Amino acid sequence: MENYDVLLDRLDVYSNITAEIDRILSDYKRNITDLIFKIRSSNDKKIIYELFKIQDYLSVVLYKYEYPVGDYLSEFIYEFDRQDEESVDYLLKKIITDKQFLEVSSNSM
């Protein structure tokens, strides 16, 4: 077929772009885990708002673009969806008391 070269070219572009997106998502994941660690060690409520901002960004990636963000980031997006004062208190308590909450596993993203 005459479109084969175009197909291969597009697949190369796709492969490069998805690898770059995955690296960026990995940076977000690392940032999230760092912020959760900071909350556990400082009980700083303000950090939750940083996590809300990240959740806003990542929810666009997941819901608008339907990009597969992996289990960890999907769970993060779900857990931080409600962004009211009750949620802030709930999340702060959950992060501090539940060491398994948003724990990184080897098979998530």
PDB file of N, CA and C in Angstrom:
ATOM      1  N   MET A   1       0.834  -1.187   0.000  1.00  0.00           N
ATOM      2  CA  MET A   1       0.000   0.000   0.000  1.00  0.00           C
ATOM      3  C   MET A   1       0.875   1.246   0.000  1.00  0.00           C
ATOM      4  N   GLU A   2       0.385   2.260  -0.589  1.00  0.00           N
ATOM      5  CA  GLU A   2       1.152   3.496  -0.703  1.00  0.00           C
ATOM      6  C   GLU A   2       1.177   4.315   0.591  1.00  0.00           C
ATOM      7  N   ASN A   3       0.297   4.049   1.516  1.00  0.00           N
ATOM      8  CA  ASN A   3       0.251   4.786   2.779  1.00  0.00           C
ATOM      9  C   ASN A   3       1.165   4.208   3.857  1.00  0.00           C
ATOM     10  N   TYR A   4       1.855   3.150   3.553  1.00  0.00           N
ATOM     11  CA  TYR A   4       2.670   2.464   4.554  1.00  0.00           C
ATOM     12  C   TYR A   4       3.752   3.376   5.135  1.00  0.00           C
ATOM     13  N   ASP A   5       4.443   4.134   4.290  1.00  0.00           N
ATOM     14  CA  ASP A   5       5.493   5.033   4.781  1.00  0.00           C
ATOM     15  C   ASP A   5       4.919   6.121   5.688  1.00  0.00           C
ATOM     16  N   VAL A   6       3.774   6.639   5.311  1.00  0.00           N
ATOM     17  CA  VAL A   6       3.108   7.649   6.138  1.00  0.00           C
ATOM     18  C   VAL A   6       2.709   7.039   7.482  1.00  0.00           C
ATOM     19  N   LEU A   7       2.176   5.826   7.445  1.00  0.00           N
ATOM     20  CA  LEU A   7       1.785   5.129   8.665  1.00  0.00           C
ATOM     21  C   LEU A   7       2.981   4.954   9.599  1.00  0.00           C
ATOM     22  N   LEU A   8       4.101   4.500   9.065  1.00  0.00           N
ATOM     23  CA  LEU A   8       5.297   4.312   9.888  1.00  0.00           C
ATOM     24  C   LEU A   8       5.785   5.628  10.478  1.00  0.00           C
ATOM     25  N   ASP A   9       5.740   6.678   9.680  1.00  0.00           N
ATOM     26  CA  ASP A   9       6.147   7.992  10.161  1.00  0.00           C
ATOM     27  C   ASP A   9       5.252   8.446  11.310  1.00  0.00           C
ATOM     28  N   ARG A  10       3.970   8.288  11.151  1.00  0.00           N
ATOM     29  CA  ARG A  10       3.016   8.684  12.196  1.00  0.00           C
ATOM     30  C   ARG A  10       3.186   7.841  13.460  1.00  0.00           C
ATOM     31  N   LEU A  11       3.479   6.569  13.286  1.00  0.00           N
ATOM     32  CA  LEU A  11       3.713   5.705  14.443  1.00  0.00           C
ATOM     33  C   LEU A  11       4.972   6.120  15.204  1.00  0.00           C
ATOM     34  N   ASP A  12       6.001   6.541  14.479  1.00  0.00           N
ATOM     35  CA  ASP A  12       7.206   7.053  15.141  1.00  0.00           C
ATOM     36  C   ASP A  12       6.880   8.302  15.960  1.00  0.00           C
ATOM     37  N   VAL A  13       6.123   9.213  15.362  1.00  0.00           N
ATOM     38  CA  VAL A  13       5.719  10.434  16.067  1.00  0.00           C
ATOM     39  C   VAL A  13       4.884  10.078  17.295  1.00  0.00           C
ATOM     40  N   TYR A  14       3.914   9.191  17.107  1.00  0.00           N
ATOM     41  CA  TYR A  14       3.045   8.751  18.206  1.00  0.00           C
ATOM     42  C   TYR A  14       3.862   8.132  19.338  1.00  0.00           C
ATOM     43  N   SER A  15       4.782   7.281  18.990  1.00  0.00           N
ATOM     44  CA  SER A  15       5.617   6.616  19.988  1.00  0.00           C
ATOM     45  C   SER A  15       6.439   7.627  20.783  1.00  0.00           C
ATOM     46  N   ASN A  16       7.027   8.585  20.090  1.00  0.00           N
ATOM     47  CA  ASN A  16       7.831   9.609  20.761  1.00  0.00           C
ATOM     48  C   ASN A  16       6.977  10.486  21.672  1.00  0.00           C
ATOM     49  N   ILE A  17       5.812  10.871  21.190  1.00  0.00           N
ATOM     50  CA  ILE A  17       4.936  11.741  21.975  1.00  0.00           C
ATOM     51  C   ILE A  17       4.398  11.012  23.203  1.00  0.00           C
ATOM     52  N   THR A  18       3.962   9.768  23.041  1.00  0.00           N
ATOM     53  CA  THR A  18       3.439   9.039  24.206  1.00  0.00           C
ATOM     54  C   THR A  18       4.541   8.800  25.243  1.00  0.00           C
ATOM     55  N   ALA A  19       5.752   8.561  24.797  1.00  0.00           N
ATOM     56  CA  ALA A  19       6.864   8.397  25.743  1.00  0.00           C
ATOM     57  C   ALA A  19       7.097   9.696  26.513  1.00  0.00           C
ATOM     58  N   GLU A  20       7.014  10.821  25.823  1.00  0.00           N
ATOM     59  CA  GLU A  20       7.196  12.111  26.482  1.00  0.00           C
ATOM     60  C   GLU A  20       6.052  12.402  27.461  1.00  0.00           C
ATOM     61  N   ILE A  21       4.823  12.112  27.053  1.00  0.00           N
ATOM     62  CA  ILE A  21       3.673  12.298  27.941  1.00  0.00           C
ATOM     63  C   ILE A  21       3.822  11.420  29.177  1.00  0.00           C
ATOM     64  N   ASP A  22       4.217  10.177  28.984  1.00  0.00           N
ATOM     65  CA  ASP A  22       4.393   9.263  30.115  1.00  0.00           C
ATOM     66  C   ASP A  22       5.478   9.751  31.077  1.00  0.00           C
ATOM     67  N   ARG A  23       6.537  10.357  30.549  1.00  0.00           N
ATOM     68  CA  ARG A  23       7.579  10.925  31.417  1.00  0.00           C
ATOM     69  C   ARG A  23       7.014  12.087  32.246  1.00  0.00           C
ATOM     70  N   ILE A  24       6.211  12.921  31.605  1.00  0.00           N
ATOM     71  CA  ILE A  24       5.595  14.047  32.317  1.00  0.00           C
ATOM     72  C   ILE A  24       4.651  13.535  33.403  1.00  0.00           C
ATOM     73  N   LEU A  25       3.848  12.529  33.069  1.00  0.00           N
ATOM     74  CA  LEU A  25       2.936  11.949  34.059  1.00  0.00           C
ATOM     75  C   LEU A  25       3.709  11.319  35.214  1.00  0.00           C
ATOM     76  N   SER A  26       4.838  10.725  34.913  1.00  0.00           N
ATOM     77  CA  SER A  26       5.689  10.159  35.958  1.00  0.00           C
ATOM     78  C   SER A  26       6.200  11.261  36.888  1.00  0.00           C
ATOM     79  N   ASP A  27       6.526  12.417  36.329  1.00  0.00           N
ATOM     80  CA  ASP A  27       6.938  13.560  37.154  1.00  0.00           C
ATOM     81  C   ASP A  27       5.801  14.011  38.071  1.00  0.00           C
ATOM     82  N   TYR A  28       4.583  14.049  37.526  1.00  0.00           N
ATOM     83  CA  TYR A  28       3.422  14.398  38.352  1.00  0.00           C
ATOM     84  C   TYR A  28       3.254  13.388  39.486  1.00  0.00           C
ATOM     85  N   LYS A  29       3.384  12.119  39.159  1.00  0.00           N
ATOM     86  CA  LYS A  29       3.237  11.068  40.168  1.00  0.00           C
ATOM     87  C   LYS A  29       4.274  11.241  41.278  1.00  0.00           C
ATOM     88  N   ARG A  30       5.501  11.508  40.907  1.00  0.00           N
ATOM     89  CA  ARG A  30       6.573  11.726  41.885  1.00  0.00           C
ATOM     90  C   ARG A  30       6.253  12.957  42.750  1.00  0.00           C
ATOM     91  N   ASN A  31       5.757  14.009  42.120  1.00  0.00           N
ATOM     92  CA  ASN A  31       5.391  15.221  42.851  1.00  0.00           C
ATOM     93  C   ASN A  31       4.272  14.934  43.851  1.00  0.00           C
ATOM     94  N   ILE A  32       3.277  14.161  43.430  1.00  0.00           N
ATOM     95  CA  ILE A  32       2.166  13.793  44.314  1.00  0.00           C
ATOM     96  C   ILE A  32       2.681  13.014  45.516  1.00  0.00           C
ATOM     97  N   THR A  33       3.503  12.016  45.269  1.00  0.00           N
ATOM     98  CA  THR A  33       4.008  11.202  46.385  1.00  0.00           C
ATOM     99  C   THR A  33       4.873  12.041  47.330  1.00  0.00           C
ATOM    100  N   ASP A  34       5.641  12.976  46.785  1.00  0.00           N
ATOM    101  CA  ASP A  34       6.438  13.871  47.630  1.00  0.00           C
ATOM    102  C   ASP A  34       5.535  14.746  48.505  1.00  0.00           C
ATOM    103  N   LEU A  35       4.470  15.281  47.905  1.00  0.00           N
ATOM    104  CA  LEU A  35       3.554  16.133  48.661  1.00  0.00           C
ATOM    105  C   LEU A  35       2.816  15.342  49.741  1.00  0.00           C
ATOM    106  N   ILE A  36       2.433  14.125  49.429  1.00  0.00           N
ATOM    107  CA  ILE A  36       1.772  13.285  50.430  1.00  0.00           C
ATOM    108  C   ILE A  36       2.733  12.987  51.582  1.00  0.00           C
ATOM    109  N   PHE A  37       3.989  12.722  51.267  1.00  0.00           N
ATOM    110  CA  PHE A  37       4.994  12.510  52.314  1.00  0.00           C
ATOM    111  C   PHE A  37       5.135  13.759  53.192  1.00  0.00           C
ATOM    112  N   LYS A  38       5.131  14.935  52.555  1.00  0.00           N
ATOM    113  CA  LYS A  38       5.229  16.187  53.321  1.00  0.00           C
ATOM    114  C   LYS A  38       4.040  16.352  54.264  1.00  0.00           C
ATOM    115  N   ILE A  39       2.854  15.998  53.775  1.00  0.00           N
ATOM    116  CA  ILE A  39       1.669  16.087  54.634  1.00  0.00           C
ATOM    117  C   ILE A  39       1.827  15.164  55.832  1.00  0.00           C
ATOM    118  N   ARG A  40       2.289  13.949  55.587  1.00  0.00           N
ATOM    119  CA  ARG A  40       2.448  12.977  56.682  1.00  0.00           C
ATOM    120  C   ARG A  40       3.468  13.440  57.719  1.00  0.00           C
ATOM    121  N   SER A  41       4.456  14.180  57.284  1.00  0.00           N
ATOM    122  CA  SER A  41       5.490  14.604  58.228  1.00  0.00           C
ATOM    123  C   SER A  41       5.220  15.982  58.840  1.00  0.00           C
ATOM    124  N   SER A  42       4.309  16.759  58.243  1.00  0.00           N
ATOM    125  CA  SER A  42       4.101  18.117  58.757  1.00  0.00           C
ATOM    126  C   SER A  42       2.656  18.441  59.130  1.00  0.00           C
ATOM    127  N   ASN A  43       1.706  17.620  58.686  1.00  0.00           N
ATOM    128  CA  ASN A  43       0.273  17.892  58.892  1.00  0.00           C
ATOM    129  C   ASN A  43      -0.155  19.234  58.294  1.00  0.00           C
ATOM    130  N   ASP A  44       0.537  19.676  57.267  1.00  0.00           N
ATOM    131  CA  ASP A  44       0.268  20.978  56.657  1.00  0.00           C
ATOM    132  C   ASP A  44      -0.926  20.892  55.706  1.00  0.00           C
ATOM    133  N   LYS A  45      -1.993  21.531  56.096  1.00  0.00           N
ATOM    134  CA  LYS A  45      -3.244  21.513  55.331  1.00  0.00           C
ATOM    135  C   LYS A  45      -3.097  22.204  53.969  1.00  0.00           C
ATOM    136  N   LYS A  46      -2.206  23.188  53.886  1.00  0.00           N
ATOM    137  CA  LYS A  46      -2.045  23.946  52.639  1.00  0.00           C
ATOM    138  C   LYS A  46      -1.583  23.067  51.480  1.00  0.00           C
ATOM    139  N   ILE A  47      -0.900  22.007  51.783  1.00  0.00           N
ATOM    140  CA  ILE A  47      -0.389  21.119  50.732  1.00  0.00           C
ATOM    141  C   ILE A  47      -1.536  20.448  49.983  1.00  0.00           C
ATOM    142  N   ILE A  48      -2.651  20.223  50.663  1.00  0.00           N
ATOM    143  CA  ILE A  48      -3.817  19.620  50.007  1.00  0.00           C
ATOM    144  C   ILE A  48      -4.235  20.464  48.807  1.00  0.00           C
ATOM    145  N   TYR A  49      -4.143  21.777  48.940  1.00  0.00           N
ATOM    146  CA  TYR A  49      -4.552  22.655  47.845  1.00  0.00           C
ATOM    147  C   TYR A  49      -3.618  22.527  46.639  1.00  0.00           C
ATOM    148  N   GLU A  50      -2.357  22.262  46.889  1.00  0.00           N
ATOM    149  CA  GLU A  50      -1.434  21.973  45.784  1.00  0.00           C
ATOM    150  C   GLU A  50      -1.851  20.693  45.070  1.00  0.00           C
ATOM    151  N   LEU A  51      -2.259  19.703  45.855  1.00  0.00           N
ATOM    152  CA  LEU A  51      -2.719  18.439  45.268  1.00  0.00           C
ATOM    153  C   LEU A  51      -4.012  18.636  44.481  1.00  0.00           C
ATOM    154  N   PHE A  52      -4.880  19.517  44.950  1.00  0.00           N
ATOM    155  CA  PHE A  52      -6.100  19.819  44.199  1.00  0.00           C
ATOM    156  C   PHE A  52      -5.769  20.415  42.831  1.00  0.00           C
ATOM    157  N   LYS A  53      -4.774  21.282  42.795  1.00  0.00           N
ATOM    158  CA  LYS A  53      -4.383  21.894  41.527  1.00  0.00           C
ATOM    159  C   LYS A  53      -3.859  20.824  40.560  1.00  0.00           C
ATOM    160  N   ILE A  54      -3.055  19.923  41.065  1.00  0.00           N
ATOM    161  CA  ILE A  54      -2.544  18.827  40.236  1.00  0.00           C
ATOM    162  C   ILE A  54      -3.697  17.959  39.757  1.00  0.00           C
ATOM    163  N   GLN A  55      -4.652  17.695  40.632  1.00  0.00           N
ATOM    164  CA  GLN A  55      -5.814  16.891  40.251  1.00  0.00           C
ATOM    165  C   GLN A  55      -6.579  17.565  39.120  1.00  0.00           C
ATOM    166  N   ASP A  56      -6.730  18.877  39.184  1.00  0.00           N
ATOM    167  CA  ASP A  56      -7.415  19.604  38.109  1.00  0.00           C
ATOM    168  C   ASP A  56      -6.714  19.381  36.769  1.00  0.00           C
ATOM    169  N   TYR A  57      -5.403  19.484  36.771  1.00  0.00           N
ATOM    170  CA  TYR A  57      -4.636  19.292  35.537  1.00  0.00           C
ATOM    171  C   TYR A  57      -4.782  17.862  35.008  1.00  0.00           C
ATOM    172  N   LEU A  58      -4.608  16.911  35.906  1.00  0.00           N
ATOM    173  CA  LEU A  58      -4.627  15.511  35.475  1.00  0.00           C
ATOM    174  C   LEU A  58      -6.019  15.042  35.066  1.00  0.00           C
ATOM    175  N   SER A  59      -7.059  15.624  35.650  1.00  0.00           N
ATOM    176  CA  SER A  59      -8.410  15.223  35.250  1.00  0.00           C
ATOM    177  C   SER A  59      -8.686  15.609  33.801  1.00  0.00           C
ATOM    178  N   VAL A  60      -8.086  16.685  33.328  1.00  0.00           N
ATOM    179  CA  VAL A  60      -8.218  17.056  31.911  1.00  0.00           C
ATOM    180  C   VAL A  60      -7.566  15.993  31.033  1.00  0.00           C
ATOM    181  N   VAL A  61      -6.391  15.549  31.442  1.00  0.00           N
ATOM    182  CA  VAL A  61      -5.681  14.512  30.686  1.00  0.00           C
ATOM    183  C   VAL A  61      -6.526  13.241  30.607  1.00  0.00           C
ATOM    184  N   LEU A  62      -7.115  12.857  31.733  1.00  0.00           N
ATOM    185  CA  LEU A  62      -7.889  11.619  31.796  1.00  0.00           C
ATOM    186  C   LEU A  62      -9.249  11.738  31.121  1.00  0.00           C
ATOM    187  N   TYR A  63      -9.999  12.782  31.433  1.00  0.00           N
ATOM    188  CA  TYR A  63     -11.386  12.851  30.974  1.00  0.00           C
ATOM    189  C   TYR A  63     -11.559  13.541  29.625  1.00  0.00           C
ATOM    190  N   LYS A  64     -10.832  14.605  29.368  1.00  0.00           N
ATOM    191  CA  LYS A  64     -10.973  15.284  28.078  1.00  0.00           C
ATOM    192  C   LYS A  64     -10.259  14.517  26.969  1.00  0.00           C
ATOM    193  N   TYR A  65      -9.026  14.123  27.248  1.00  0.00           N
ATOM    194  CA  TYR A  65      -8.224  13.467  26.216  1.00  0.00           C
ATOM    195  C   TYR A  65      -8.249  11.950  26.308  1.00  0.00           C
ATOM    196  N   GLU A  66      -8.864  11.426  27.365  1.00  0.00           N
ATOM    197  CA  GLU A  66      -8.986   9.983  27.562  1.00  0.00           C
ATOM    198  C   GLU A  66      -7.638   9.272  27.471  1.00  0.00           C
ATOM    199  N   TYR A  67      -6.618   9.932  28.037  1.00  0.00           N
ATOM    200  CA  TYR A  67      -5.280   9.353  28.021  1.00  0.00           C
ATOM    201  C   TYR A  67      -5.154   8.385  29.194  1.00  0.00           C
ATOM    202  N   PRO A  68      -4.600   7.204  28.954  1.00  0.00           N
ATOM    203  CA  PRO A  68      -4.457   6.221  30.038  1.00  0.00           C
ATOM    204  C   PRO A  68      -3.352   6.640  31.017  1.00  0.00           C
ATOM    205  N   VAL A  69      -3.759   7.166  32.160  1.00  0.00           N
ATOM    206  CA  VAL A  69      -2.796   7.716  33.114  1.00  0.00           C
ATOM    207  C   VAL A  69      -2.256   6.691  34.102  1.00  0.00           C
ATOM    208  N   GLY A  70      -2.789   5.497  34.099  1.00  0.00           N
ATOM    209  CA  GLY A  70      -2.338   4.455  35.023  1.00  0.00           C
ATOM    210  C   GLY A  70      -3.190   4.419  36.283  1.00  0.00           C
ATOM    211  N   ASP A  71      -3.061   3.325  37.008  1.00  0.00           N
ATOM    212  CA  ASP A  71      -3.896   3.089  38.188  1.00  0.00           C
ATOM    213  C   ASP A  71      -3.676   4.127  39.287  1.00  0.00           C
ATOM    214  N   TYR A  72      -2.422   4.425  39.578  1.00  0.00           N
ATOM    215  CA  TYR A  72      -2.126   5.351  40.678  1.00  0.00           C
ATOM    216  C   TYR A  72      -2.727   6.726  40.418  1.00  0.00           C
ATOM    217  N   LEU A  73      -2.477   7.287  39.233  1.00  0.00           N
ATOM    218  CA  LEU A  73      -2.991   8.621  38.933  1.00  0.00           C
ATOM    219  C   LEU A  73      -4.510   8.615  38.802  1.00  0.00           C
ATOM    220  N   SER A  74      -5.080   7.533  38.294  1.00  0.00           N
ATOM    221  CA  SER A  74      -6.547   7.426  38.236  1.00  0.00           C
ATOM    222  C   SER A  74      -7.143   7.467  39.636  1.00  0.00           C
ATOM    223  N   GLU A  75      -6.533   6.729  40.555  1.00  0.00           N
ATOM    224  CA  GLU A  75      -7.013   6.726  41.941  1.00  0.00           C
ATOM    225  C   GLU A  75      -6.846   8.104  42.568  1.00  0.00           C
ATOM    226  N   PHE A  76      -5.714   8.743  42.302  1.00  0.00           N
ATOM    227  CA  PHE A  76      -5.484  10.095  42.810  1.00  0.00           C
ATOM    228  C   PHE A  76      -6.554  11.056  42.298  1.00  0.00           C
ATOM    229  N   ILE A  77      -6.829  11.017  41.005  1.00  0.00           N
ATOM    230  CA  ILE A  77      -7.838  11.893  40.409  1.00  0.00           C
ATOM    231  C   ILE A  77      -9.194  11.665  41.072  1.00  0.00           C
ATOM    232  N   TYR A  78      -9.534  10.413  41.292  1.00  0.00           N
ATOM    233  CA  TYR A  78     -10.806  10.078  41.934  1.00  0.00           C
ATOM    234  C   TYR A  78     -10.854  10.590  43.375  1.00  0.00           C
ATOM    235  N   GLU A  79      -9.823  10.312  44.144  1.00  0.00           N
ATOM    236  CA  GLU A  79      -9.807  10.673  45.566  1.00  0.00           C
ATOM    237  C   GLU A  79      -9.829  12.186  45.793  1.00  0.00           C
ATOM    238  N   PHE A  80      -9.251  12.957  44.879  1.00  0.00           N
ATOM    239  CA  PHE A  80      -9.155  14.402  45.054  1.00  0.00           C
ATOM    240  C   PHE A  80     -10.164  15.169  44.204  1.00  0.00           C
ATOM    241  N   ASP A  81     -11.211  14.481  43.766  1.00  0.00           N
ATOM    242  CA  ASP A  81     -12.203  15.114  42.897  1.00  0.00           C
ATOM    243  C   ASP A  81     -13.030  16.159  43.642  1.00  0.00           C
ATOM    244  N   ARG A  82     -13.507  15.814  44.819  1.00  0.00           N
ATOM    245  CA  ARG A  82     -14.280  16.781  45.616  1.00  0.00           C
ATOM    246  C   ARG A  82     -13.311  17.749  46.266  1.00  0.00           C
ATOM    247  N   GLN A  83     -13.529  19.036  46.033  1.00  0.00           N
ATOM    248  CA  GLN A  83     -12.565  20.016  46.528  1.00  0.00           C
ATOM    249  C   GLN A  83     -13.244  21.066  47.402  1.00  0.00           C
ATOM    250  N   ASP A  84     -13.878  20.600  48.462  1.00  0.00           N
ATOM    251  CA  ASP A  84     -14.496  21.505  49.425  1.00  0.00           C
ATOM    252  C   ASP A  84     -13.792  21.347  50.776  1.00  0.00           C
ATOM    253  N   GLU A  85     -14.184  22.165  51.739  1.00  0.00           N
ATOM    254  CA  GLU A  85     -13.503  22.142  53.042  1.00  0.00           C
ATOM    255  C   GLU A  85     -13.646  20.802  53.760  1.00  0.00           C
ATOM    256  N   GLU A  86     -14.803  20.172  53.628  1.00  0.00           N
ATOM    257  CA  GLU A  86     -14.975  18.852  54.243  1.00  0.00           C
ATOM    258  C   GLU A  86     -13.991  17.854  53.649  1.00  0.00           C
ATOM    259  N   SER A  87     -13.781  17.949  52.346  1.00  0.00           N
ATOM    260  CA  SER A  87     -12.841  17.049  51.679  1.00  0.00           C
ATOM    261  C   SER A  87     -11.412  17.306  52.131  1.00  0.00           C
ATOM    262  N   VAL A  88     -11.087  18.567  52.347  1.00  0.00           N
ATOM    263  CA  VAL A  88      -9.740  18.899  52.822  1.00  0.00           C
ATOM    264  C   VAL A  88      -9.483  18.204  54.156  1.00  0.00           C
ATOM    265  N   ASP A  89     -10.422  18.329  55.066  1.00  0.00           N
ATOM    266  CA  ASP A  89     -10.265  17.697  56.383  1.00  0.00           C
ATOM    267  C   ASP A  89     -10.230  16.177  56.264  1.00  0.00           C
ATOM    268  N   TYR A  90     -11.123  15.633  55.440  1.00  0.00           N
ATOM    269  CA  TYR A  90     -11.161  14.179  55.240  1.00  0.00           C
ATOM    270  C   TYR A  90      -9.835  13.673  54.672  1.00  0.00           C
ATOM    271  N   LEU A  91      -9.339  14.340  53.622  1.00  0.00           N
ATOM    272  CA  LEU A  91      -8.100  13.897  52.974  1.00  0.00           C
ATOM    273  C   LEU A  91      -6.902  14.036  53.904  1.00  0.00           C
ATOM    274  N   LEU A  92      -6.853  15.113  54.637  1.00  0.00           N
ATOM    275  CA  LEU A  92      -5.751  15.301  55.579  1.00  0.00           C
ATOM    276  C   LEU A  92      -5.727  14.162  56.598  1.00  0.00           C
ATOM    277  N   LYS A  93      -6.876  13.861  57.161  1.00  0.00           N
ATOM    278  CA  LYS A  93      -6.961  12.775  58.136  1.00  0.00           C
ATOM    279  C   LYS A  93      -6.605  11.436  57.494  1.00  0.00           C
ATOM    280  N   LYS A  94      -7.124  11.203  56.301  1.00  0.00           N
ATOM    281  CA  LYS A  94      -6.881   9.937  55.596  1.00  0.00           C
ATOM    282  C   LYS A  94      -5.388   9.756  55.304  1.00  0.00           C
ATOM    283  N   ILE A  95      -4.752  10.799  54.808  1.00  0.00           N
ATOM    284  CA  ILE A  95      -3.325  10.725  54.470  1.00  0.00           C
ATOM    285  C   ILE A  95      -2.486  10.454  55.719  1.00  0.00           C
ATOM    286  N   ILE A  96      -2.821  11.113  56.808  1.00  0.00           N
ATOM    287  CA  ILE A  96      -2.032  10.979  58.034  1.00  0.00           C
ATOM    288  C   ILE A  96      -2.248   9.627  58.705  1.00  0.00           C
ATOM    289  N   THR A  97      -3.483   9.150  58.727  1.00  0.00           N
ATOM    290  CA  THR A  97      -3.784   7.923  59.481  1.00  0.00           C
ATOM    291  C   THR A  97      -3.670   6.642  58.666  1.00  0.00           C
ATOM    292  N   ASP A  98      -3.871   6.726  57.362  1.00  0.00           N
ATOM    293  CA  ASP A  98      -3.858   5.519  56.522  1.00  0.00           C
ATOM    294  C   ASP A  98      -2.594   5.504  55.666  1.00  0.00           C
ATOM    295  N   LYS A  99      -1.597   4.781  56.107  1.00  0.00           N
ATOM    296  CA  LYS A  99      -0.311   4.737  55.392  1.00  0.00           C
ATOM    297  C   LYS A  99      -0.421   4.040  54.036  1.00  0.00           C
ATOM    298  N   GLN A 100      -1.509   3.317  53.807  1.00  0.00           N
ATOM    299  CA  GLN A 100      -1.730   2.657  52.515  1.00  0.00           C
ATOM    300  C   GLN A 100      -2.392   3.593  51.503  1.00  0.00           C
ATOM    301  N   PHE A 101      -2.887   4.735  51.959  1.00  0.00           N
ATOM    302  CA  PHE A 101      -3.598   5.668  51.092  1.00  0.00           C
ATOM    303  C   PHE A 101      -2.659   6.212  50.024  1.00  0.00           C
ATOM    304  N   LEU A 102      -3.010   5.965  48.786  1.00  0.00           N
ATOM    305  CA  LEU A 102      -2.214   6.384  47.631  1.00  0.00           C
ATOM    306  C   LEU A 102      -0.752   5.960  47.749  1.00  0.00           C
ATOM    307  N   GLU A 103      -0.561   4.769  48.242  1.00  0.00           N
ATOM    308  CA  GLU A 103       0.781   4.194  48.331  1.00  0.00           C
ATOM    309  C   GLU A 103       1.206   3.749  46.934  1.00  0.00           C
ATOM    310  N   VAL A 104       2.424   4.028  46.577  1.00  0.00           N
ATOM    311  CA  VAL A 104       2.942   3.663  45.261  1.00  0.00           C
ATOM    312  C   VAL A 104       3.259   2.180  45.248  1.00  0.00           C
ATOM    313  N   SER A 105       2.730   1.490  44.236  1.00  0.00           N
ATOM    314  CA  SER A 105       3.083   0.079  44.044  1.00  0.00           C
ATOM    315  C   SER A 105       3.887  -0.050  42.763  1.00  0.00           C
ATOM    316  N   SER A 106       4.552  -1.148  42.610  1.00  0.00           N
ATOM    317  CA  SER A 106       5.440  -1.330  41.459  1.00  0.00           C
ATOM    318  C   SER A 106       4.683  -1.437  40.144  1.00  0.00           C
ATOM    319  N   ASN A 107       3.404  -1.826  40.161  1.00  0.00           N
ATOM    320  CA  ASN A 107       2.677  -1.995  38.903  1.00  0.00           C
ATOM    321  C   ASN A 107       1.786  -0.810  38.559  1.00  0.00           C
ATOM    322  N   SER A 108       1.806   0.258  39.349  1.00  0.00           N
ATOM    323  CA  SER A 108       0.975   1.412  39.024  1.00  0.00           C
ATOM    324  C   SER A 108       1.783   2.414  38.231  1.00  0.00           C
ATOM    325  N   MET A 109       1.340   2.635  37.020  1.00  0.00           N
ATOM    326  CA  MET A 109       1.943   3.527  36.027  1.00  0.00           C
ATOM    327  C   MET A 109       3.409   3.301  35.934  1.00  0.00           C
TER     328      MET A 109
END
